[in-house]
Amino acid sequence: MKKDLFKILIPVLIILALVIIKSSDKNSFALSANEIHELSLKQEHILSVEDYKNKSRTSKVLLQLVDIRSAADFEAGHLKGAINIPAETLLESAHFKGGNIVTKNILYSESIAKTCKAWTLLAQKGFENVYVLDLPKEFISQSLFDLDSIPSGNEELNYTFQPDTITRLE
């Protein structure tokens, strides 16, 4: 009788232990893939330079620029007031360790794709006050680290459109 009880009890305890371990996983996400996909499609997290300038003038909450490039790139030049947290160490950083934070964090790097990946990870972990700064490529490549040097407004056209006159539809 005791042997039969152990045969049943041991697998039940193993399953229970596995469920407890899985539910306490520190790497689990706060948002599902569908939820993060919906947030991404809205693109409310992407700020143009103009949006950032407006927010910095009107926001009552601290806006913290976070440069997610390597430490060497950060040392070569960065936006005024930015802190450096390389993308690979975002979740281990003391800045993001304590759960959801009150400051609004504006991430930037040399490519918006890399910055959006970092935003996705932080958003999935439950951070709500994280945004992406959409910097023009030439801004980073030329090391122009003054946001006021970026012209506001729409993109200017660098080409003139000329229809193809050689092709004839018959």
N, C-alpha and C. Protein backbone atom coordinates (compact mmCIF):
# COMPACT_ATOMS: atom_id res chain seq x y z
N MET A 1 0.82 -1.19 0.00
CA MET A 1 0.00 0.00 0.00
C MET A 1 0.87 1.26 0.00
N LYS A 2 1.92 1.25 0.85
CA LYS A 2 2.81 2.40 0.91
C LYS A 2 3.57 2.56 -0.40
N LYS A 3 3.92 1.44 -1.05
CA LYS A 3 4.63 1.51 -2.32
C LYS A 3 3.76 2.19 -3.37
N ASP A 4 2.49 1.86 -3.42
CA ASP A 4 1.57 2.46 -4.38
C ASP A 4 1.39 3.96 -4.11
N LEU A 5 1.36 4.31 -2.85
CA LEU A 5 1.22 5.72 -2.48
C LEU A 5 2.44 6.52 -2.94
N PHE A 6 3.65 5.96 -2.76
CA PHE A 6 4.87 6.64 -3.21
C PHE A 6 4.92 6.76 -4.73
N LYS A 7 4.42 5.75 -5.43
CA LYS A 7 4.41 5.78 -6.90
C LYS A 7 3.54 6.93 -7.41
N ILE A 8 2.50 7.24 -6.70
CA ILE A 8 1.60 8.32 -7.11
C ILE A 8 2.11 9.67 -6.58
N LEU A 9 2.57 9.68 -5.35
CA LEU A 9 2.97 10.92 -4.70
C LEU A 9 4.22 11.54 -5.32
N ILE A 10 5.21 10.75 -5.69
CA ILE A 10 6.47 11.27 -6.24
C ILE A 10 6.22 12.02 -7.55
N PRO A 11 5.52 11.47 -8.55
CA PRO A 11 5.28 12.24 -9.78
C PRO A 11 4.48 13.52 -9.53
N VAL A 12 3.52 13.47 -8.62
CA VAL A 12 2.73 14.66 -8.31
C VAL A 12 3.62 15.74 -7.71
N LEU A 13 4.51 15.39 -6.81
CA LEU A 13 5.43 16.36 -6.21
C LEU A 13 6.40 16.93 -7.25
N ILE A 14 6.86 16.10 -8.16
CA ILE A 14 7.77 16.58 -9.21
C ILE A 14 7.05 17.59 -10.10
N ILE A 15 5.83 17.28 -10.50
CA ILE A 15 5.05 18.19 -11.34
C ILE A 15 4.78 19.49 -10.59
N LEU A 16 4.43 19.41 -9.33
CA LEU A 16 4.18 20.59 -8.51
C LEU A 16 5.45 21.46 -8.41
N ALA A 17 6.59 20.84 -8.20
CA ALA A 17 7.85 21.58 -8.12
C ALA A 17 8.16 22.27 -9.44
N LEU A 18 7.94 21.59 -10.55
CA LEU A 18 8.19 22.19 -11.86
C LEU A 18 7.27 23.39 -12.12
N VAL A 19 6.03 23.28 -11.71
CA VAL A 19 5.08 24.39 -11.89
C VAL A 19 5.52 25.59 -11.05
N ILE A 20 5.95 25.36 -9.84
CA ILE A 20 6.40 26.45 -8.97
C ILE A 20 7.66 27.11 -9.54
N ILE A 21 8.59 26.30 -10.01
CA ILE A 21 9.82 26.85 -10.60
C ILE A 21 9.50 27.67 -11.84
N LYS A 22 8.64 27.16 -12.69
CA LYS A 22 8.29 27.87 -13.93
C LYS A 22 7.58 29.19 -13.63
N SER A 23 6.68 29.20 -12.65
CA SER A 23 5.93 30.43 -12.35
C SER A 23 6.79 31.49 -11.69
N SER A 24 7.90 31.10 -11.09
CA SER A 24 8.77 32.09 -10.46
C SER A 24 9.95 32.46 -11.35
N ASP A 25 9.87 32.16 -12.63
CA ASP A 25 10.95 32.46 -13.58
C ASP A 25 11.15 33.96 -13.68
N LYS A 26 12.36 34.44 -13.40
CA LYS A 26 12.64 35.87 -13.44
C LYS A 26 12.69 36.41 -14.85
N ASN A 27 12.76 35.54 -15.85
CA ASN A 27 12.82 35.98 -17.23
C ASN A 27 11.44 35.99 -17.91
N SER A 28 10.39 35.74 -17.16
CA SER A 28 9.06 35.71 -17.77
C SER A 28 8.65 37.13 -18.16
N PHE A 29 7.81 37.22 -19.18
CA PHE A 29 7.40 38.51 -19.71
C PHE A 29 6.05 38.94 -19.15
N ALA A 30 5.88 40.24 -18.99
CA ALA A 30 4.62 40.80 -18.49
C ALA A 30 3.59 40.89 -19.61
N LEU A 31 4.04 41.03 -20.85
CA LEU A 31 3.14 41.14 -21.99
C LEU A 31 3.33 39.95 -22.92
N SER A 32 2.23 39.51 -23.51
CA SER A 32 2.32 38.42 -24.48
C SER A 32 2.84 38.95 -25.81
N ALA A 33 3.15 38.04 -26.71
CA ALA A 33 3.64 38.43 -28.04
C ALA A 33 2.58 39.23 -28.78
N ASN A 34 1.32 38.85 -28.65
CA ASN A 34 0.24 39.60 -29.31
C ASN A 34 0.10 41.01 -28.75
N GLU A 35 0.20 41.14 -27.44
CA GLU A 35 0.09 42.47 -26.82
C GLU A 35 1.23 43.39 -27.26
N ILE A 36 2.45 42.86 -27.29
CA ILE A 36 3.58 43.69 -27.69
C ILE A 36 3.49 44.02 -29.18
N HIS A 37 2.95 43.10 -29.96
CA HIS A 37 2.76 43.36 -31.40
C HIS A 37 1.77 44.51 -31.60
N GLU A 38 0.67 44.50 -30.85
CA GLU A 38 -0.32 45.58 -30.94
C GLU A 38 0.29 46.92 -30.54
N LEU A 39 1.08 46.93 -29.48
CA LEU A 39 1.75 48.17 -29.06
C LEU A 39 2.71 48.66 -30.14
N SER A 40 3.43 47.74 -30.75
CA SER A 40 4.38 48.11 -31.81
C SER A 40 3.68 48.74 -33.00
N LEU A 41 2.54 48.19 -33.37
CA LEU A 41 1.81 48.70 -34.53
C LEU A 41 1.30 50.12 -34.30
N LYS A 42 0.98 50.46 -33.07
CA LYS A 42 0.49 51.82 -32.77
C LYS A 42 1.61 52.85 -32.92
N GLN A 43 2.83 52.45 -32.71
CA GLN A 43 4.02 53.30 -32.81
C GLN A 43 3.96 54.55 -31.92
N GLU A 44 3.23 54.47 -30.83
CA GLU A 44 3.16 55.59 -29.89
C GLU A 44 4.46 55.75 -29.11
N HIS A 45 5.30 54.74 -29.14
CA HIS A 45 6.56 54.77 -28.40
C HIS A 45 7.69 55.42 -29.19
N ILE A 46 7.47 55.71 -30.46
CA ILE A 46 8.52 56.31 -31.30
C ILE A 46 8.36 57.82 -31.31
N LEU A 47 9.42 58.51 -30.90
CA LEU A 47 9.41 59.97 -30.85
C LEU A 47 10.35 60.53 -31.91
N SER A 48 9.86 61.48 -32.67
CA SER A 48 10.74 62.21 -33.57
C SER A 48 11.53 63.20 -32.71
N VAL A 49 12.54 63.80 -33.30
CA VAL A 49 13.32 64.80 -32.57
C VAL A 49 12.41 65.95 -32.16
N GLU A 50 11.50 66.33 -33.05
CA GLU A 50 10.55 67.41 -32.76
C GLU A 50 9.66 67.05 -31.56
N ASP A 51 9.14 65.79 -31.55
CA ASP A 51 8.32 65.34 -30.42
C ASP A 51 9.12 65.38 -29.12
N TYR A 52 10.37 64.94 -29.18
CA TYR A 52 11.22 64.94 -27.99
C TYR A 52 11.42 66.36 -27.47
N LYS A 53 11.70 67.29 -28.37
CA LYS A 53 11.91 68.69 -27.95
C LYS A 53 10.65 69.23 -27.28
N ASN A 54 9.47 68.94 -27.85
CA ASN A 54 8.21 69.39 -27.25
C ASN A 54 7.99 68.77 -25.89
N LYS A 55 8.23 67.45 -25.78
CA LYS A 55 8.05 66.76 -24.50
C LYS A 55 9.00 67.31 -23.44
N SER A 56 10.24 67.59 -23.84
CA SER A 56 11.21 68.08 -22.85
C SER A 56 10.83 69.46 -22.33
N ARG A 57 10.12 70.23 -23.14
CA ARG A 57 9.68 71.56 -22.68
C ARG A 57 8.43 71.47 -21.81
N THR A 58 7.55 70.52 -22.10
CA THR A 58 6.25 70.49 -21.43
C THR A 58 6.10 69.42 -20.36
N SER A 59 6.96 68.41 -20.36
CA SER A 59 6.80 67.29 -19.43
C SER A 59 7.16 67.69 -18.00
N LYS A 60 6.33 67.23 -17.07
CA LYS A 60 6.61 67.46 -15.65
C LYS A 60 7.44 66.31 -15.08
N VAL A 61 7.58 65.25 -15.87
CA VAL A 61 8.34 64.08 -15.47
C VAL A 61 9.73 64.15 -16.10
N LEU A 62 10.74 63.67 -15.38
CA LEU A 62 12.10 63.67 -15.90
C LEU A 62 12.20 62.80 -17.15
N LEU A 63 12.79 63.35 -18.21
CA LEU A 63 13.07 62.59 -19.42
C LEU A 63 14.54 62.21 -19.39
N GLN A 64 14.81 60.92 -19.36
CA GLN A 64 16.20 60.45 -19.31
C GLN A 64 16.59 59.84 -20.65
N LEU A 65 17.57 60.45 -21.32
CA LEU A 65 18.09 59.88 -22.56
C LEU A 65 19.00 58.71 -22.21
N VAL A 66 18.78 57.57 -22.86
CA VAL A 66 19.58 56.37 -22.61
C VAL A 66 20.22 55.94 -23.93
N ASP A 67 21.53 56.07 -24.00
CA ASP A 67 22.31 55.67 -25.17
C ASP A 67 22.61 54.18 -25.02
N ILE A 68 22.07 53.35 -25.94
CA ILE A 68 22.26 51.90 -25.81
C ILE A 68 23.39 51.39 -26.70
N ARG A 69 24.23 52.29 -27.18
CA ARG A 69 25.40 51.87 -27.96
C ARG A 69 26.49 51.37 -27.01
N SER A 70 27.58 50.90 -27.57
CA SER A 70 28.69 50.42 -26.74
C SER A 70 29.30 51.58 -25.95
N ALA A 71 30.04 51.22 -24.91
CA ALA A 71 30.70 52.25 -24.09
C ALA A 71 31.70 53.06 -24.92
N ALA A 72 32.39 52.40 -25.85
CA ALA A 72 33.36 53.11 -26.70
C ALA A 72 32.66 54.14 -27.58
N ASP A 73 31.52 53.76 -28.17
CA ASP A 73 30.77 54.70 -29.01
C ASP A 73 30.24 55.86 -28.17
N PHE A 74 29.79 55.54 -26.96
CA PHE A 74 29.29 56.57 -26.05
C PHE A 74 30.40 57.57 -25.72
N GLU A 75 31.59 57.06 -25.44
CA GLU A 75 32.73 57.93 -25.11
C GLU A 75 33.12 58.81 -26.29
N ALA A 76 32.93 58.29 -27.51
CA ALA A 76 33.28 59.06 -28.71
C ALA A 76 32.34 60.26 -28.89
N GLY A 77 31.17 60.19 -28.32
CA GLY A 77 30.21 61.29 -28.39
C GLY A 77 28.81 60.80 -28.10
N HIS A 78 28.04 61.63 -27.43
CA HIS A 78 26.67 61.26 -27.08
C HIS A 78 25.84 62.52 -26.89
N LEU A 79 24.53 62.33 -26.80
CA LEU A 79 23.64 63.46 -26.56
C LEU A 79 23.86 64.00 -25.16
N LYS A 80 23.73 65.30 -25.03
CA LYS A 80 23.92 65.96 -23.74
C LYS A 80 22.91 65.41 -22.73
N GLY A 81 23.39 65.01 -21.57
CA GLY A 81 22.54 64.51 -20.51
C GLY A 81 22.22 63.03 -20.60
N ALA A 82 22.73 62.34 -21.62
CA ALA A 82 22.44 60.92 -21.79
C ALA A 82 23.29 60.07 -20.86
N ILE A 83 22.74 58.92 -20.49
CA ILE A 83 23.51 57.92 -19.76
C ILE A 83 23.73 56.75 -20.71
N ASN A 84 24.77 55.97 -20.46
CA ASN A 84 25.09 54.84 -21.33
C ASN A 84 24.75 53.54 -20.65
N ILE A 85 23.84 52.79 -21.27
CA ILE A 85 23.55 51.43 -20.84
C ILE A 85 23.55 50.60 -22.12
N PRO A 86 24.63 49.87 -22.41
CA PRO A 86 24.66 49.08 -23.64
C PRO A 86 23.47 48.13 -23.73
N ALA A 87 22.95 47.94 -24.93
CA ALA A 87 21.74 47.13 -25.14
C ALA A 87 21.86 45.74 -24.51
N GLU A 88 23.06 45.17 -24.56
CA GLU A 88 23.25 43.82 -24.04
C GLU A 88 23.08 43.74 -22.52
N THR A 89 23.19 44.88 -21.85
CA THR A 89 23.13 44.87 -20.38
C THR A 89 21.93 45.62 -19.83
N LEU A 90 20.95 45.92 -20.68
CA LEU A 90 19.80 46.72 -20.22
C LEU A 90 19.11 46.13 -19.00
N LEU A 91 18.81 44.83 -19.04
CA LEU A 91 18.05 44.23 -17.94
C LEU A 91 18.88 44.04 -16.67
N GLU A 92 20.20 43.95 -16.80
CA GLU A 92 21.06 43.81 -15.62
C GLU A 92 21.38 45.17 -15.00
N SER A 93 21.13 46.23 -15.73
CA SER A 93 21.49 47.57 -15.27
C SER A 93 20.68 47.97 -14.03
N ALA A 94 21.33 48.65 -13.12
CA ALA A 94 20.67 49.12 -11.90
C ALA A 94 19.54 50.09 -12.24
N HIS A 95 19.67 50.79 -13.36
CA HIS A 95 18.66 51.76 -13.77
C HIS A 95 17.31 51.09 -14.02
N PHE A 96 17.32 49.87 -14.55
CA PHE A 96 16.08 49.17 -14.87
C PHE A 96 15.78 48.02 -13.92
N LYS A 97 16.57 47.83 -12.88
CA LYS A 97 16.40 46.69 -11.98
C LYS A 97 15.19 46.79 -11.07
N GLY A 98 14.86 47.97 -10.60
CA GLY A 98 13.88 48.11 -9.54
C GLY A 98 12.43 48.05 -9.98
N GLY A 99 12.13 47.45 -11.11
CA GLY A 99 10.75 47.41 -11.57
C GLY A 99 10.43 48.64 -12.38
N ASN A 100 9.14 48.97 -12.45
CA ASN A 100 8.75 50.11 -13.28
C ASN A 100 9.19 51.41 -12.63
N ILE A 101 9.68 52.32 -13.44
CA ILE A 101 10.28 53.54 -12.94
C ILE A 101 9.44 54.75 -13.29
N VAL A 102 9.66 55.83 -12.57
CA VAL A 102 8.86 57.04 -12.74
C VAL A 102 9.35 57.89 -13.90
N THR A 103 10.66 57.91 -14.15
CA THR A 103 11.18 58.72 -15.25
C THR A 103 10.78 58.12 -16.59
N LYS A 104 10.72 58.98 -17.60
CA LYS A 104 10.47 58.50 -18.96
C LYS A 104 11.83 58.31 -19.60
N ASN A 105 12.11 57.10 -20.04
CA ASN A 105 13.39 56.77 -20.63
C ASN A 105 13.28 56.83 -22.14
N ILE A 106 14.15 57.62 -22.76
CA ILE A 106 14.16 57.78 -24.21
C ILE A 106 15.41 57.06 -24.72
N LEU A 107 15.22 55.91 -25.36
CA LEU A 107 16.33 55.12 -25.87
C LEU A 107 16.77 55.64 -27.23
N TYR A 108 18.07 55.58 -27.50
CA TYR A 108 18.57 55.86 -28.85
C TYR A 108 19.85 55.09 -29.10
N SER A 109 20.12 54.86 -30.39
CA SER A 109 21.37 54.22 -30.82
C SER A 109 21.61 54.60 -32.27
N GLU A 110 22.57 53.92 -32.90
CA GLU A 110 22.89 54.25 -34.29
C GLU A 110 21.83 53.77 -35.27
N SER A 111 20.95 52.88 -34.85
CA SER A 111 19.89 52.43 -35.76
C SER A 111 18.58 52.29 -34.99
N ILE A 112 17.51 52.70 -35.65
CA ILE A 112 16.20 52.61 -34.99
C ILE A 112 15.78 51.16 -34.80
N ALA A 113 16.25 50.26 -35.67
CA ALA A 113 15.92 48.84 -35.53
C ALA A 113 16.48 48.29 -34.22
N LYS A 114 17.73 48.61 -33.93
CA LYS A 114 18.35 48.16 -32.67
C LYS A 114 17.63 48.76 -31.48
N THR A 115 17.27 50.02 -31.58
CA THR A 115 16.59 50.71 -30.48
C THR A 115 15.21 50.11 -30.25
N CYS A 116 14.50 49.79 -31.33
CA CYS A 116 13.17 49.18 -31.20
C CYS A 116 13.24 47.79 -30.59
N LYS A 117 14.30 47.04 -30.88
CA LYS A 117 14.48 45.73 -30.24
C LYS A 117 14.62 45.90 -28.73
N ALA A 118 15.41 46.88 -28.32
CA ALA A 118 15.59 47.13 -26.89
C ALA A 118 14.27 47.57 -26.26
N TRP A 119 13.51 48.43 -26.97
CA TRP A 119 12.21 48.86 -26.46
C TRP A 119 11.29 47.65 -26.29
N THR A 120 11.28 46.75 -27.28
CA THR A 120 10.42 45.57 -27.22
C THR A 120 10.73 44.74 -25.99
N LEU A 121 12.00 44.51 -25.72
CA LEU A 121 12.39 43.73 -24.56
C LEU A 121 11.92 44.39 -23.27
N LEU A 122 12.17 45.69 -23.13
CA LEU A 122 11.76 46.40 -21.91
C LEU A 122 10.24 46.45 -21.78
N ALA A 123 9.54 46.66 -22.88
CA ALA A 123 8.07 46.69 -22.83
C ALA A 123 7.52 45.33 -22.44
N GLN A 124 8.10 44.26 -22.96
CA GLN A 124 7.64 42.92 -22.60
C GLN A 124 7.89 42.63 -21.12
N LYS A 125 8.93 43.22 -20.57
CA LYS A 125 9.21 43.02 -19.15
C LYS A 125 8.32 43.89 -18.26
N GLY A 126 7.50 44.76 -18.87
CA GLY A 126 6.54 45.53 -18.09
C GLY A 126 6.87 47.00 -17.90
N PHE A 127 7.95 47.49 -18.49
CA PHE A 127 8.28 48.91 -18.37
C PHE A 127 7.39 49.71 -19.31
N GLU A 128 6.68 50.69 -18.76
CA GLU A 128 5.72 51.46 -19.55
C GLU A 128 6.28 52.80 -20.00
N ASN A 129 7.20 53.35 -19.30
CA ASN A 129 7.72 54.69 -19.59
C ASN A 129 9.00 54.65 -20.42
N VAL A 130 8.98 53.87 -21.49
CA VAL A 130 10.15 53.73 -22.35
C VAL A 130 9.75 54.13 -23.77
N TYR A 131 10.57 54.98 -24.38
CA TYR A 131 10.30 55.48 -25.74
C TYR A 131 11.55 55.32 -26.60
N VAL A 132 11.36 55.45 -27.90
CA VAL A 132 12.45 55.35 -28.87
C VAL A 132 12.61 56.70 -29.54
N LEU A 133 13.82 57.22 -29.55
CA LEU A 133 14.11 58.48 -30.24
C LEU A 133 14.57 58.16 -31.66
N ASP A 134 13.81 58.63 -32.63
CA ASP A 134 14.11 58.37 -34.04
C ASP A 134 15.07 59.45 -34.55
N LEU A 135 16.35 59.16 -34.45
CA LEU A 135 17.38 60.10 -34.89
C LEU A 135 17.72 59.87 -36.36
N PRO A 136 17.92 60.94 -37.12
CA PRO A 136 18.38 60.76 -38.51
C PRO A 136 19.74 60.07 -38.53
N LYS A 137 19.95 59.18 -39.51
CA LYS A 137 21.22 58.45 -39.60
C LYS A 137 22.43 59.37 -39.64
N GLU A 138 22.32 60.46 -40.41
CA GLU A 138 23.47 61.36 -40.53
C GLU A 138 23.80 62.04 -39.20
N PHE A 139 22.84 62.11 -38.30
CA PHE A 139 23.07 62.72 -37.00
C PHE A 139 24.11 61.92 -36.22
N ILE A 140 23.93 60.60 -36.19
CA ILE A 140 24.87 59.74 -35.47
C ILE A 140 26.19 59.63 -36.23
N SER A 141 26.12 59.43 -37.55
CA SER A 141 27.35 59.19 -38.30
C SER A 141 28.26 60.42 -38.34
N GLN A 142 27.70 61.62 -38.25
CA GLN A 142 28.52 62.82 -38.28
C GLN A 142 28.89 63.30 -36.87
N SER A 143 28.44 62.57 -35.86
CA SER A 143 28.70 62.92 -34.46
C SER A 143 28.19 64.31 -34.10
N LEU A 144 27.05 64.68 -34.65
CA LEU A 144 26.41 65.95 -34.28
C LEU A 144 25.53 65.66 -33.07
N PHE A 145 26.03 65.95 -31.90
CA PHE A 145 25.30 65.53 -30.71
C PHE A 145 24.52 66.64 -30.03
N ASP A 146 24.09 67.61 -30.81
CA ASP A 146 23.25 68.68 -30.30
C ASP A 146 21.90 68.56 -31.01
N LEU A 147 20.86 68.22 -30.28
CA LEU A 147 19.55 68.02 -30.90
C LEU A 147 19.04 69.29 -31.59
N ASP A 148 19.48 70.45 -31.13
CA ASP A 148 19.03 71.69 -31.75
C ASP A 148 19.61 71.87 -33.15
N SER A 149 20.66 71.12 -33.48
CA SER A 149 21.26 71.24 -34.81
C SER A 149 20.47 70.48 -35.87
N ILE A 150 19.51 69.66 -35.44
CA ILE A 150 18.70 68.92 -36.40
C ILE A 150 17.55 69.81 -36.85
N PRO A 151 17.40 70.02 -38.15
CA PRO A 151 16.30 70.87 -38.61
C PRO A 151 14.95 70.25 -38.30
N SER A 152 13.99 71.08 -37.91
CA SER A 152 12.64 70.60 -37.61
C SER A 152 11.83 70.55 -38.89
N GLY A 153 10.70 69.90 -38.79
CA GLY A 153 9.78 69.89 -39.93
C GLY A 153 9.93 68.66 -40.79
N ASN A 154 9.37 68.76 -41.97
CA ASN A 154 9.32 67.62 -42.88
C ASN A 154 10.67 67.37 -43.53
N GLU A 155 10.79 66.17 -44.06
CA GLU A 155 11.98 65.80 -44.82
C GLU A 155 12.07 66.66 -46.06
N GLU A 156 13.27 67.05 -46.43
CA GLU A 156 13.38 67.77 -47.68
C GLU A 156 13.77 66.78 -48.77
N LEU A 157 13.25 67.02 -49.96
CA LEU A 157 13.52 66.13 -51.07
C LEU A 157 14.94 66.36 -51.58
N ASN A 158 15.65 65.29 -51.80
CA ASN A 158 17.01 65.38 -52.30
C ASN A 158 17.10 64.95 -53.76
N TYR A 159 15.97 64.86 -54.43
CA TYR A 159 15.95 64.41 -55.81
C TYR A 159 14.77 65.06 -56.51
N THR A 160 14.79 65.02 -57.82
CA THR A 160 13.63 65.48 -58.59
C THR A 160 13.09 64.29 -59.36
N PHE A 161 11.81 64.15 -59.35
CA PHE A 161 11.17 63.03 -60.03
C PHE A 161 11.04 63.33 -61.50
N GLN A 162 11.42 62.37 -62.31
CA GLN A 162 11.29 62.52 -63.75
C GLN A 162 10.70 61.22 -64.26
N PRO A 163 9.54 61.28 -64.91
CA PRO A 163 8.92 60.05 -65.39
C PRO A 163 9.77 59.40 -66.49
N ASP A 164 9.65 58.09 -66.58
CA ASP A 164 10.37 57.34 -67.60
C ASP A 164 9.66 57.54 -68.94
N THR A 165 10.34 58.17 -69.87
CA THR A 165 9.71 58.44 -71.18
C THR A 165 10.09 57.42 -72.23
N ILE A 166 10.97 56.50 -71.88
CA ILE A 166 11.41 55.50 -72.85
C ILE A 166 10.40 54.38 -72.99
N THR A 167 9.81 53.96 -71.90
CA THR A 167 8.86 52.85 -71.93
C THR A 167 7.54 53.31 -72.51
N ARG A 168 7.05 52.55 -73.48
CA ARG A 168 5.76 52.88 -74.09
C ARG A 168 4.80 51.72 -73.88
N LEU A 169 3.65 52.06 -73.41
CA LEU A 169 2.60 51.05 -73.25
C LEU A 169 1.79 50.98 -74.53
N GLU A 170 1.71 49.83 -75.15
CA GLU A 170 0.95 49.68 -76.39
C GLU A 170 -0.07 48.61 -76.28
